[in-house]
């Protein structure tokens, strides 16, 4: 049996999550106000528009209303499932997110599906062999990956596998009207780029937790008592090593599922991050708010679930079986 969180815990954390999302929306909206210019000026830039034409467009978009009124209208609509319309294209933000989110979800889900078992497996494997050649190889490789920026790793992968060997495409753009899974090879380099730092950091954390757990009194007592090694690992070593890493792992999963900015930009992948970059350049506040709040919601939700998993796995909360 485990010490699973109760209803009061869930209600308290749900309240904190809602307050966090509200604060995030205020901060993001405030950030859109700090950028020079506005969507009307950006939309008519280079067209020789007169100040009167810009003012008319600003009025039609509602940009001449007070900031608090615009935020209130957006928040009221968001609470009712309406994220507004893009200032640049006029399409609904919900439609744009639905179109792009699928692509980002595919990329992030593939990376996340590889991240969790790989990080736990490699971290456990290295930690159980602390000080041996296998551990030194894993530790050196992960340290090198953690030390390199993501865009550097992506660039190196392009040079090796796209330019050098020609095995994989340098641009991850699916054919018109088709999803990324129609050509899985376009996902390989972005996924490897995403995994590089995420995997390395989590492997190092899990490896450190395993080495600490192996030296604990509980593990030594279990081994002296003749408990089979696989039960020792599954019952004491793995939970003790994974529990401290769960919140960190959740943050990386949130990044993979909603914030793959570098990979999408570097490989030209048509996901949410690319839409966010374009909307920021166009001062398109509804799109910036919609995408940012989706990423924030994913992050808050995964952190909430991570806290619940950590509480359930924590040996200190276990009841005798």
C-alpha atoms as a PDB file:
ATOM      1  CA  UNK A   1       0.000   0.000   0.000  1.00  0.00           C
ATOM      2  CA  UNK A   2       1.155   3.553  -0.601  1.00  0.00           C
ATOM      3  CA  UNK A   3       0.456   6.934   0.840  1.00  0.00           C
ATOM      4  CA  UNK A   4      -1.607   8.237  -2.074  1.00  0.00           C
ATOM      5  CA  UNK A   5      -2.756  11.897  -1.799  1.00  0.00           C
ATOM      6  CA  UNK A   6      -6.288  12.444  -0.517  1.00  0.00           C
ATOM      7  CA  UNK A   7      -9.120  14.668  -1.724  1.00  0.00           C
ATOM      8  CA  UNK A   8      -7.999  17.646   0.383  1.00  0.00           C
ATOM      9  CA  UNK A   9      -4.531  17.445  -1.143  1.00  0.00           C
ATOM     10  CA  UNK A  10      -5.956  17.421  -4.660  1.00  0.00           C
ATOM     11  CA  UNK A  11      -8.277  20.361  -3.962  1.00  0.00           C
ATOM     12  CA  UNK A  12      -5.457  22.420  -2.469  1.00  0.00           C
ATOM     13  CA  UNK A  13      -3.124  21.695  -5.375  1.00  0.00           C
ATOM     14  CA  UNK A  14      -5.880  22.381  -7.916  1.00  0.00           C
ATOM     15  CA  UNK A  15      -6.433  25.783  -6.329  1.00  0.00           C
ATOM     16  CA  UNK A  16      -2.712  26.543  -6.504  1.00  0.00           C
ATOM     17  CA  UNK A  17      -2.653  25.420 -10.141  1.00  0.00           C
ATOM     18  CA  UNK A  18      -5.573  27.709 -11.046  1.00  0.00           C
ATOM     19  CA  UNK A  19      -3.928  30.676  -9.310  1.00  0.00           C
ATOM     20  CA  UNK A  20      -0.672  29.923 -11.119  1.00  0.00           C
ATOM     21  CA  UNK A  21      -2.372  29.905 -14.507  1.00  0.00           C
ATOM     22  CA  UNK A  22      -4.153  33.185 -13.736  1.00  0.00           C
ATOM     23  CA  UNK A  23      -0.871  34.817 -12.710  1.00  0.00           C
ATOM     24  CA  UNK A  24       0.800  33.458 -15.846  1.00  0.00           C
ATOM     25  CA  UNK A  25      -1.910  34.953 -18.047  1.00  0.00           C
ATOM     26  CA  UNK A  26      -1.443  38.372 -16.429  1.00  0.00           C
ATOM     27  CA  UNK A  27       2.327  38.210 -16.902  1.00  0.00           C
ATOM     28  CA  UNK A  28       2.087  37.117 -20.536  1.00  0.00           C
ATOM     29  CA  UNK A  29      -0.488  39.794 -21.337  1.00  0.00           C
ATOM     30  CA  UNK A  30       1.679  42.387 -19.606  1.00  0.00           C
ATOM     31  CA  UNK A  31       4.677  41.255 -21.657  1.00  0.00           C
ATOM     32  CA  UNK A  32       2.737  41.795 -24.897  1.00  0.00           C
ATOM     33  CA  UNK A  33       2.122  45.384 -23.831  1.00  0.00           C
ATOM     34  CA  UNK A  34       5.835  46.043 -23.309  1.00  0.00           C
ATOM     35  CA  UNK A  35       6.802  45.161 -26.883  1.00  0.00           C
ATOM     36  CA  UNK A  36       7.252  48.226 -29.133  1.00  0.00           C
ATOM     37  CA  UNK A  37       4.491  48.819 -31.649  1.00  0.00           C
ATOM     38  CA  UNK A  38       1.299  46.809 -31.954  1.00  0.00           C
ATOM     39  CA  UNK A  39      -0.404  44.332 -34.248  1.00  0.00           C
ATOM     40  CA  UNK A  40      -1.912  47.047 -36.463  1.00  0.00           C
ATOM     41  CA  UNK A  41       1.454  48.656 -37.186  1.00  0.00           C
ATOM     42  CA  UNK A  42       3.096  45.260 -37.694  1.00  0.00           C
ATOM     43  CA  UNK A  43       0.343  44.091 -40.054  1.00  0.00           C
ATOM     44  CA  UNK A  44       0.584  47.197 -42.264  1.00  0.00           C
ATOM     45  CA  UNK A  45       4.364  47.517 -42.092  1.00  0.00           C
ATOM     46  CA  UNK A  46       5.941  47.950 -45.519  1.00  0.00           C
ATOM     47  CA  UNK A  47       2.628  48.787 -47.193  1.00  0.00           C
ATOM     48  CA  UNK A  48       2.998  52.554 -46.999  1.00  0.00           C
ATOM     49  CA  UNK A  49      -0.062  52.850 -44.758  1.00  0.00           C
ATOM     50  CA  UNK A  50      -0.974  56.271 -43.446  1.00  0.00           C
ATOM     51  CA  UNK A  51      -1.407  56.983 -39.725  1.00  0.00           C
ATOM     52  CA  UNK A  52      -5.148  57.162 -40.337  1.00  0.00           C
ATOM     53  CA  UNK A  53      -5.216  53.673 -41.876  1.00  0.00           C
ATOM     54  CA  UNK A  54      -3.210  52.309 -38.962  1.00  0.00           C
ATOM     55  CA  UNK A  55      -5.577  53.986 -36.514  1.00  0.00           C
ATOM     56  CA  UNK A  56      -8.612  52.525 -38.300  1.00  0.00           C
ATOM     57  CA  UNK A  57      -7.134  49.028 -38.195  1.00  0.00           C
ATOM     58  CA  UNK A  58      -6.206  49.499 -34.559  1.00  0.00           C
ATOM     59  CA  UNK A  59      -9.829  50.437 -33.819  1.00  0.00           C
ATOM     60  CA  UNK A  60     -11.238  47.469 -35.755  1.00  0.00           C
ATOM     61  CA  UNK A  61      -8.970  45.120 -33.790  1.00  0.00           C
ATOM     62  CA  UNK A  62      -9.966  46.738 -30.514  1.00  0.00           C
ATOM     63  CA  UNK A  63      -6.410  47.838 -29.740  1.00  0.00           C
ATOM     64  CA  UNK A  64      -7.575  51.325 -28.792  1.00  0.00           C
ATOM     65  CA  UNK A  65      -9.445  49.954 -25.773  1.00  0.00           C
ATOM     66  CA  UNK A  66      -7.844  50.139 -22.310  1.00  0.00           C
ATOM     67  CA  UNK A  67      -5.476  47.281 -21.507  1.00  0.00           C
ATOM     68  CA  UNK A  68      -7.532  46.076 -18.534  1.00  0.00           C
ATOM     69  CA  UNK A  69     -10.627  45.888 -20.726  1.00  0.00           C
ATOM     70  CA  UNK A  70      -8.849  43.866 -23.400  1.00  0.00           C
ATOM     71  CA  UNK A  71      -7.449  41.473 -20.822  1.00  0.00           C
ATOM     72  CA  UNK A  72     -10.840  41.111 -19.156  1.00  0.00           C
ATOM     73  CA  UNK A  73     -12.495  40.307 -22.481  1.00  0.00           C
ATOM     74  CA  UNK A  74      -9.827  37.749 -23.291  1.00  0.00           C
ATOM     75  CA  UNK A  75     -10.055  36.112 -19.861  1.00  0.00           C
ATOM     76  CA  UNK A  76     -13.858  35.929 -19.980  1.00  0.00           C
ATOM     77  CA  UNK A  77     -13.695  34.349 -23.411  1.00  0.00           C
ATOM     78  CA  UNK A  78     -10.929  31.923 -22.379  1.00  0.00           C
ATOM     79  CA  UNK A  79     -13.005  30.739 -19.424  1.00  0.00           C
ATOM     80  CA  UNK A  80     -15.757  29.923 -21.908  1.00  0.00           C
ATOM     81  CA  UNK A  81     -13.463  28.183 -24.394  1.00  0.00           C
ATOM     82  CA  UNK A  82     -13.005  31.152 -26.749  1.00  0.00           C
ATOM     83  CA  UNK A  83      -9.364  32.225 -27.145  1.00  0.00           C
ATOM     84  CA  UNK A  84     -10.192  34.984 -29.612  1.00  0.00           C
ATOM     85  CA  UNK A  85      -8.961  35.573 -33.147  1.00  0.00           C
ATOM     86  CA  UNK A  86      -5.530  36.214 -34.539  1.00  0.00           C
ATOM     87  CA  UNK A  87      -4.828  39.896 -35.200  1.00  0.00           C
ATOM     88  CA  UNK A  88      -2.733  38.932 -38.223  1.00  0.00           C
ATOM     89  CA  UNK A  89      -4.884  36.388 -40.049  1.00  0.00           C
ATOM     90  CA  UNK A  90      -8.324  36.643 -38.468  1.00  0.00           C
ATOM     91  CA  UNK A  91      -8.506  32.882 -37.872  1.00  0.00           C
ATOM     92  CA  UNK A  92      -9.548  31.589 -34.484  1.00  0.00           C
ATOM     93  CA  UNK A  93      -6.704  30.975 -32.034  1.00  0.00           C
ATOM     94  CA  UNK A  94      -8.296  27.670 -31.075  1.00  0.00           C
ATOM     95  CA  UNK A  95      -8.179  26.556 -34.713  1.00  0.00           C
ATOM     96  CA  UNK A  96      -4.555  27.604 -35.103  1.00  0.00           C
ATOM     97  CA  UNK A  97      -3.592  25.778 -31.903  1.00  0.00           C
ATOM     98  CA  UNK A  98      -5.490  22.663 -32.973  1.00  0.00           C
ATOM     99  CA  UNK A  99      -3.656  22.685 -36.301  1.00  0.00           C
ATOM    100  CA  UNK A 100      -0.192  23.168 -34.805  1.00  0.00           C
ATOM    101  CA  UNK A 101      -0.613  21.360 -31.480  1.00  0.00           C
ATOM    102  CA  UNK A 102      -0.927  17.983 -33.184  1.00  0.00           C
ATOM    103  CA  UNK A 103       2.488  18.383 -34.764  1.00  0.00           C
ATOM    104  CA  UNK A 104       4.096  19.505 -31.497  1.00  0.00           C
ATOM    105  CA  UNK A 105       2.351  16.707 -29.624  1.00  0.00           C
ATOM    106  CA  UNK A 106       3.700  14.074 -32.012  1.00  0.00           C
ATOM    107  CA  UNK A 107       7.245  15.409 -31.693  1.00  0.00           C
ATOM    108  CA  UNK A 108       7.035  15.797 -27.923  1.00  0.00           C
ATOM    109  CA  UNK A 109       5.284  12.480 -27.343  1.00  0.00           C
ATOM    110  CA  UNK A 110       7.903  10.527 -29.278  1.00  0.00           C
ATOM    111  CA  UNK A 111      10.686  12.240 -27.330  1.00  0.00           C
ATOM    112  CA  UNK A 112       8.874  11.772 -24.000  1.00  0.00           C
ATOM    113  CA  UNK A 113       8.177   8.091 -24.710  1.00  0.00           C
ATOM    114  CA  UNK A 114      11.915   7.586 -25.220  1.00  0.00           C
ATOM    115  CA  UNK A 115      13.004   9.850 -22.366  1.00  0.00           C
ATOM    116  CA  UNK A 116      11.395   8.115 -19.383  1.00  0.00           C
ATOM    117  CA  UNK A 117      12.484   4.483 -19.945  1.00  0.00           C
ATOM    118  CA  UNK A 118      15.892   5.540 -21.276  1.00  0.00           C
ATOM    119  CA  UNK A 119      16.640   7.846 -18.337  1.00  0.00           C
ATOM    120  CA  UNK A 120      15.497   5.321 -15.729  1.00  0.00           C
ATOM    121  CA  UNK A 121      17.238   2.405 -17.440  1.00  0.00           C
ATOM    122  CA  UNK A 122      20.574   4.131 -18.035  1.00  0.00           C
ATOM    123  CA  UNK A 123      20.579   5.830 -14.637  1.00  0.00           C
ATOM    124  CA  UNK A 124      19.823   2.569 -12.856  1.00  0.00           C
ATOM    125  CA  UNK A 125      22.363   0.639 -14.933  1.00  0.00           C
ATOM    126  CA  UNK A 126      25.133   3.158 -14.270  1.00  0.00           C
ATOM    127  CA  UNK A 127      24.265   3.618 -10.587  1.00  0.00           C
ATOM    128  CA  UNK A 128      24.386  -0.114  -9.873  1.00  0.00           C
ATOM    129  CA  UNK A 129      27.861  -0.180 -11.448  1.00  0.00           C
ATOM    130  CA  UNK A 130      29.234   2.933  -9.757  1.00  0.00           C
ATOM    131  CA  UNK A 131      32.964   3.319 -10.291  1.00  0.00           C
ATOM    132  CA  UNK A 132      33.174   0.733 -13.048  1.00  0.00           C
ATOM    133  CA  UNK A 133      33.960   1.337 -16.709  1.00  0.00           C
ATOM    134  CA  UNK A 134      30.277   1.377 -17.733  1.00  0.00           C
ATOM    135  CA  UNK A 135      29.496   4.031 -15.139  1.00  0.00           C
ATOM    136  CA  UNK A 136      32.438   6.178 -16.242  1.00  0.00           C
ATOM    137  CA  UNK A 137      31.349   5.991 -19.881  1.00  0.00           C
ATOM    138  CA  UNK A 138      27.764   6.998 -19.069  1.00  0.00           C
ATOM    139  CA  UNK A 139      28.874   9.781 -16.702  1.00  0.00           C
ATOM    140  CA  UNK A 140      31.317  11.233 -19.240  1.00  0.00           C
ATOM    141  CA  UNK A 141      28.816  11.118 -22.098  1.00  0.00           C
ATOM    142  CA  UNK A 142      26.016  12.716 -20.079  1.00  0.00           C
ATOM    143  CA  UNK A 143      28.334  15.426 -18.747  1.00  0.00           C
ATOM    144  CA  UNK A 144      29.338  16.309 -22.305  1.00  0.00           C
ATOM    145  CA  UNK A 145      25.701  16.506 -23.427  1.00  0.00           C
ATOM    146  CA  UNK A 146      24.649  18.631 -20.450  1.00  0.00           C
ATOM    147  CA  UNK A 147      27.493  21.057 -21.196  1.00  0.00           C
ATOM    148  CA  UNK A 148      26.432  21.681 -24.806  1.00  0.00           C
ATOM    149  CA  UNK A 149      23.560  24.023 -25.771  1.00  0.00           C
ATOM    150  CA  UNK A 150      20.678  22.365 -27.564  1.00  0.00           C
ATOM    151  CA  UNK A 151      21.134  24.303 -30.789  1.00  0.00           C
ATOM    152  CA  UNK A 152      24.791  23.240 -30.956  1.00  0.00           C
ATOM    153  CA  UNK A 153      23.825  19.584 -30.666  1.00  0.00           C
ATOM    154  CA  UNK A 154      21.148  20.027 -33.327  1.00  0.00           C
ATOM    155  CA  UNK A 155      23.600  21.734 -35.672  1.00  0.00           C
ATOM    156  CA  UNK A 156      26.146  18.946 -35.194  1.00  0.00           C
ATOM    157  CA  UNK A 157      23.475  16.331 -35.940  1.00  0.00           C
ATOM    158  CA  UNK A 158      22.529  18.170 -39.134  1.00  0.00           C
ATOM    159  CA  UNK A 159      26.144  18.298 -40.245  1.00  0.00           C
ATOM    160  CA  UNK A 160      26.660  14.581 -39.614  1.00  0.00           C
ATOM    161  CA  UNK A 161      23.394  12.962 -40.645  1.00  0.00           C
ATOM    162  CA  UNK A 162      21.991  15.434 -43.196  1.00  0.00           C
ATOM    163  CA  UNK A 163      24.942  17.192 -44.823  1.00  0.00           C
ATOM    164  CA  UNK A 164      27.638  14.561 -44.283  1.00  0.00           C
ATOM    165  CA  UNK A 165      25.893  11.237 -44.874  1.00  0.00           C
ATOM    166  CA  UNK A 166      22.576  12.379 -46.344  1.00  0.00           C
ATOM    167  CA  UNK A 167      20.761   9.749 -44.316  1.00  0.00           C
ATOM    168  CA  UNK A 168      18.211  12.161 -42.831  1.00  0.00           C
ATOM    169  CA  UNK A 169      16.574  15.417 -43.992  1.00  0.00           C
ATOM    170  CA  UNK A 170      17.887  18.677 -42.563  1.00  0.00           C
ATOM    171  CA  UNK A 171      14.399  20.256 -42.642  1.00  0.00           C
ATOM    172  CA  UNK A 172      11.562  18.527 -40.782  1.00  0.00           C
ATOM    173  CA  UNK A 173       8.672  19.764 -42.891  1.00  0.00           C
ATOM    174  CA  UNK A 174       5.901  17.232 -43.592  1.00  0.00           C
ATOM    175  CA  UNK A 175       4.245  17.213 -47.037  1.00  0.00           C
ATOM    176  CA  UNK A 176       1.286  19.543 -47.529  1.00  0.00           C
ATOM    177  CA  UNK A 177      -1.883  18.081 -46.109  1.00  0.00           C
ATOM    178  CA  UNK A 178      -0.066  15.263 -44.300  1.00  0.00           C
ATOM    179  CA  UNK A 179       1.095  14.789 -40.731  1.00  0.00           C
ATOM    180  CA  UNK A 180       4.660  14.214 -39.550  1.00  0.00           C
ATOM    181  CA  UNK A 181       4.031  10.494 -39.074  1.00  0.00           C
ATOM    182  CA  UNK A 182       3.595  10.131 -42.842  1.00  0.00           C
ATOM    183  CA  UNK A 183       7.384  10.530 -43.069  1.00  0.00           C
ATOM    184  CA  UNK A 184       8.818   9.403 -39.709  1.00  0.00           C
ATOM    185  CA  UNK A 185      12.384  10.139 -40.794  1.00  0.00           C
ATOM    186  CA  UNK A 186      11.761  13.880 -40.440  1.00  0.00           C
ATOM    187  CA  UNK A 187      11.283  13.368 -36.698  1.00  0.00           C
ATOM    188  CA  UNK A 188      14.611  11.666 -36.020  1.00  0.00           C
ATOM    189  CA  UNK A 189      16.921  14.685 -35.782  1.00  0.00           C
ATOM    190  CA  UNK A 190      14.482  16.909 -33.814  1.00  0.00           C
ATOM    191  CA  UNK A 191      13.800  14.065 -31.368  1.00  0.00           C
ATOM    192  CA  UNK A 192      17.519  13.383 -30.873  1.00  0.00           C
ATOM    193  CA  UNK A 193      18.104  17.093 -30.313  1.00  0.00           C
ATOM    194  CA  UNK A 194      15.332  17.277 -27.734  1.00  0.00           C
ATOM    195  CA  UNK A 195      16.507  14.149 -25.947  1.00  0.00           C
ATOM    196  CA  UNK A 196      20.147  15.181 -25.729  1.00  0.00           C
ATOM    197  CA  UNK A 197      20.040  17.507 -22.741  1.00  0.00           C
ATOM    198  CA  UNK A 198      16.814  16.131 -21.187  1.00  0.00           C
ATOM    199  CA  UNK A 199      18.097  12.570 -21.153  1.00  0.00           C
ATOM    200  CA  UNK A 200      21.576  13.444 -19.936  1.00  0.00           C
ATOM    201  CA  UNK A 201      20.356  15.507 -16.975  1.00  0.00           C
ATOM    202  CA  UNK A 202      17.847  12.905 -15.815  1.00  0.00           C
ATOM    203  CA  UNK A 203      20.283  10.022 -16.198  1.00  0.00           C
ATOM    204  CA  UNK A 204      22.751  11.844 -13.967  1.00  0.00           C
ATOM    205  CA  UNK A 205      20.099  12.561 -11.329  1.00  0.00           C
ATOM    206  CA  UNK A 206      18.805   8.980 -11.285  1.00  0.00           C
ATOM    207  CA  UNK A 207      22.337   7.573 -11.221  1.00  0.00           C
ATOM    208  CA  UNK A 208      23.136   9.741  -8.182  1.00  0.00           C
ATOM    209  CA  UNK A 209      19.943   8.585  -6.465  1.00  0.00           C
ATOM    210  CA  UNK A 210      20.731   4.935  -7.149  1.00  0.00           C
ATOM    211  CA  UNK A 211      24.241   5.158  -5.706  1.00  0.00           C
ATOM    212  CA  UNK A 212      22.868   6.837  -2.580  1.00  0.00           C
ATOM    213  CA  UNK A 213      20.090   4.262  -2.188  1.00  0.00           C
ATOM    214  CA  UNK A 214      22.477   1.341  -2.622  1.00  0.00           C
ATOM    215  CA  UNK A 215      24.455   2.529   0.393  1.00  0.00           C
ATOM    216  CA  UNK A 216      21.392   2.957   2.628  1.00  0.00           C
ATOM    217  CA  UNK A 217      20.761   0.875   5.739  1.00  0.00           C
ATOM    218  CA  UNK A 218      17.512  -0.532   4.281  1.00  0.00           C
ATOM    219  CA  UNK A 219      19.259  -1.950   1.206  1.00  0.00           C
ATOM    220  CA  UNK A 220      22.132  -3.382   3.224  1.00  0.00           C
ATOM    221  CA  UNK A 221      19.690  -5.034   5.638  1.00  0.00           C
ATOM    222  CA  UNK A 222      17.651  -6.481   2.774  1.00  0.00           C
ATOM    223  CA  UNK A 223      20.724  -7.970   1.141  1.00  0.00           C
ATOM    224  CA  UNK A 224      21.983  -9.398   4.438  1.00  0.00           C
ATOM    225  CA  UNK A 225      18.523 -10.905   4.938  1.00  0.00           C
ATOM    226  CA  UNK A 226      18.816 -12.815   1.685  1.00  0.00           C
ATOM    227  CA  UNK A 227      16.277 -10.807  -0.326  1.00  0.00           C
ATOM    228  CA  UNK A 228      16.833 -11.453  -4.067  1.00  0.00           C
ATOM    229  CA  UNK A 229      18.706  -8.646  -5.820  1.00  0.00           C
ATOM    230  CA  UNK A 230      15.906  -7.870  -8.268  1.00  0.00           C
ATOM    231  CA  UNK A 231      13.480  -7.376  -5.377  1.00  0.00           C
ATOM    232  CA  UNK A 232      15.972  -5.152  -3.576  1.00  0.00           C
ATOM    233  CA  UNK A 233      16.284  -2.983  -6.680  1.00  0.00           C
ATOM    234  CA  UNK A 234      12.545  -2.783  -7.360  1.00  0.00           C
ATOM    235  CA  UNK A 235      11.414  -2.421  -3.742  1.00  0.00           C
ATOM    236  CA  UNK A 236      14.027  -0.058  -2.271  1.00  0.00           C
ATOM    237  CA  UNK A 237      16.617   1.200  -4.761  1.00  0.00           C
ATOM    238  CA  UNK A 238      14.424   2.307  -7.670  1.00  0.00           C
ATOM    239  CA  UNK A 239      11.717   4.155  -5.659  1.00  0.00           C
ATOM    240  CA  UNK A 240      14.326   5.950  -3.539  1.00  0.00           C
ATOM    241  CA  UNK A 241      16.219   6.999  -6.664  1.00  0.00           C
ATOM    242  CA  UNK A 242      13.217   8.031  -8.765  1.00  0.00           C
ATOM    243  CA  UNK A 243      11.161   9.977  -6.186  1.00  0.00           C
ATOM    244  CA  UNK A 244      13.487  13.039  -6.033  1.00  0.00           C
ATOM    245  CA  UNK A 245      13.741  13.054  -9.831  1.00  0.00           C
ATOM    246  CA  UNK A 246       9.990  12.926 -10.592  1.00  0.00           C
ATOM    247  CA  UNK A 247       9.428  16.730 -10.371  1.00  0.00           C
ATOM    248  CA  UNK A 248      12.480  17.374 -12.559  1.00  0.00           C
ATOM    249  CA  UNK A 249      11.354  14.733 -15.034  1.00  0.00           C
ATOM    250  CA  UNK A 250       7.893  16.322 -15.135  1.00  0.00           C
ATOM    251  CA  UNK A 251       9.402  19.685 -16.059  1.00  0.00           C
ATOM    252  CA  UNK A 252      11.291  18.078 -18.925  1.00  0.00           C
ATOM    253  CA  UNK A 253       8.146  16.286 -20.088  1.00  0.00           C
ATOM    254  CA  UNK A 254       6.282  19.607 -20.054  1.00  0.00           C
ATOM    255  CA  UNK A 255       9.053  21.119 -22.140  1.00  0.00           C
ATOM    256  CA  UNK A 256       8.942  18.241 -24.604  1.00  0.00           C
ATOM    257  CA  UNK A 257       5.162  18.415 -24.983  1.00  0.00           C
ATOM    258  CA  UNK A 258       4.796  22.175 -25.215  1.00  0.00           C
ATOM    259  CA  UNK A 259       8.005  24.118 -25.467  1.00  0.00           C
ATOM    260  CA  UNK A 260      10.182  22.606 -28.175  1.00  0.00           C
ATOM    261  CA  UNK A 261      11.240  26.051 -29.395  1.00  0.00           C
ATOM    262  CA  UNK A 262      14.854  25.388 -30.382  1.00  0.00           C
ATOM    263  CA  UNK A 263      14.187  22.112 -32.193  1.00  0.00           C
ATOM    264  CA  UNK A 264      11.150  23.385 -34.093  1.00  0.00           C
ATOM    265  CA  UNK A 265      12.941  26.576 -35.122  1.00  0.00           C
ATOM    266  CA  UNK A 266      16.205  24.856 -36.056  1.00  0.00           C
ATOM    267  CA  UNK A 267      14.554  22.170 -38.190  1.00  0.00           C
ATOM    268  CA  UNK A 268      11.697  24.265 -39.579  1.00  0.00           C
ATOM    269  CA  UNK A 269       9.119  22.024 -37.914  1.00  0.00           C
ATOM    270  CA  UNK A 270       5.553  23.463 -38.096  1.00  0.00           C
ATOM    271  CA  UNK A 271       4.564  23.234 -34.448  1.00  0.00           C
ATOM    272  CA  UNK A 272       3.348  25.517 -31.668  1.00  0.00           C
ATOM    273  CA  UNK A 273       6.776  26.973 -30.977  1.00  0.00           C
ATOM    274  CA  UNK A 274       7.086  28.224 -34.542  1.00  0.00           C
ATOM    275  CA  UNK A 275       3.595  29.738 -34.309  1.00  0.00           C
ATOM    276  CA  UNK A 276       4.572  31.470 -31.065  1.00  0.00           C
ATOM    277  CA  UNK A 277       7.700  32.960 -32.629  1.00  0.00           C
ATOM    278  CA  UNK A 278       5.724  34.286 -35.605  1.00  0.00           C
ATOM    279  CA  UNK A 279       2.974  35.679 -33.360  1.00  0.00           C
ATOM    280  CA  UNK A 280       5.501  37.446 -31.139  1.00  0.00           C
ATOM    281  CA  UNK A 281       7.099  39.110 -34.157  1.00  0.00           C
ATOM    282  CA  UNK A 282       3.646  40.189 -35.398  1.00  0.00           C
ATOM    283  CA  UNK A 283       2.572  41.476 -31.937  1.00  0.00           C
ATOM    284  CA  UNK A 284      -0.332  39.044 -32.221  1.00  0.00           C
ATOM    285  CA  UNK A 285      -1.380  39.040 -28.551  1.00  0.00           C
ATOM    286  CA  UNK A 286      -4.282  36.533 -28.781  1.00  0.00           C
ATOM    287  CA  UNK A 287      -2.034  33.899 -30.367  1.00  0.00           C
ATOM    288  CA  UNK A 288       0.789  34.600 -27.905  1.00  0.00           C
ATOM    289  CA  UNK A 289      -1.634  34.298 -25.005  1.00  0.00           C
ATOM    290  CA  UNK A 290      -3.322  31.174 -26.344  1.00  0.00           C
ATOM    291  CA  UNK A 291      -0.115  29.250 -27.041  1.00  0.00           C
ATOM    292  CA  UNK A 292       1.587  30.433 -23.853  1.00  0.00           C
ATOM    293  CA  UNK A 293      -1.355  29.432 -21.680  1.00  0.00           C
ATOM    294  CA  UNK A 294      -1.547  26.007 -23.328  1.00  0.00           C
ATOM    295  CA  UNK A 295       2.132  25.434 -22.520  1.00  0.00           C
ATOM    296  CA  UNK A 296       1.573  26.750 -18.991  1.00  0.00           C
ATOM    297  CA  UNK A 297      -1.425  24.447 -18.494  1.00  0.00           C
ATOM    298  CA  UNK A 298       0.584  21.425 -19.656  1.00  0.00           C
ATOM    299  CA  UNK A 299       3.429  22.379 -17.333  1.00  0.00           C
ATOM    300  CA  UNK A 300       1.176  22.914 -14.310  1.00  0.00           C
ATOM    301  CA  UNK A 301      -0.735  19.688 -14.940  1.00  0.00           C
ATOM    302  CA  UNK A 302       2.396  17.560 -15.291  1.00  0.00           C
ATOM    303  CA  UNK A 303       3.932  19.090 -12.168  1.00  0.00           C
ATOM    304  CA  UNK A 304       0.719  18.382 -10.269  1.00  0.00           C
ATOM    305  CA  UNK A 305       0.757  14.762 -11.403  1.00  0.00           C
ATOM    306  CA  UNK A 306       4.473  14.525 -10.605  1.00  0.00           C
ATOM    307  CA  UNK A 307       3.837  15.686  -7.030  1.00  0.00           C
ATOM    308  CA  UNK A 308       1.134  13.044  -6.682  1.00  0.00           C
ATOM    309  CA  UNK A 309       3.399  10.301  -8.046  1.00  0.00           C
ATOM    310  CA  UNK A 310       6.253  11.393  -5.777  1.00  0.00           C
ATOM    311  CA  UNK A 311       3.955  11.342  -2.745  1.00  0.00           C
ATOM    312  CA  UNK A 312       2.665   7.884  -3.651  1.00  0.00           C
ATOM    313  CA  UNK A 313       6.151   6.457  -4.241  1.00  0.00           C
ATOM    314  CA  UNK A 314       7.842   8.110  -1.287  1.00  0.00           C
ATOM    315  CA  UNK A 315       8.935   5.320   1.081  1.00  0.00           C
ATOM    316  CA  UNK A 316       8.254   7.600   4.040  1.00  0.00           C
ATOM    317  CA  UNK A 317       4.532   7.542   3.187  1.00  0.00           C
ATOM    318  CA  UNK A 318       4.269   3.790   2.746  1.00  0.00           C
ATOM    319  CA  UNK A 319       2.116   1.801   5.134  1.00  0.00           C
ATOM    320  CA  UNK A 320       3.247  -1.699   6.050  1.00  0.00           C
ATOM    321  CA  UNK A 321       1.800  -4.293   3.665  1.00  0.00           C
END
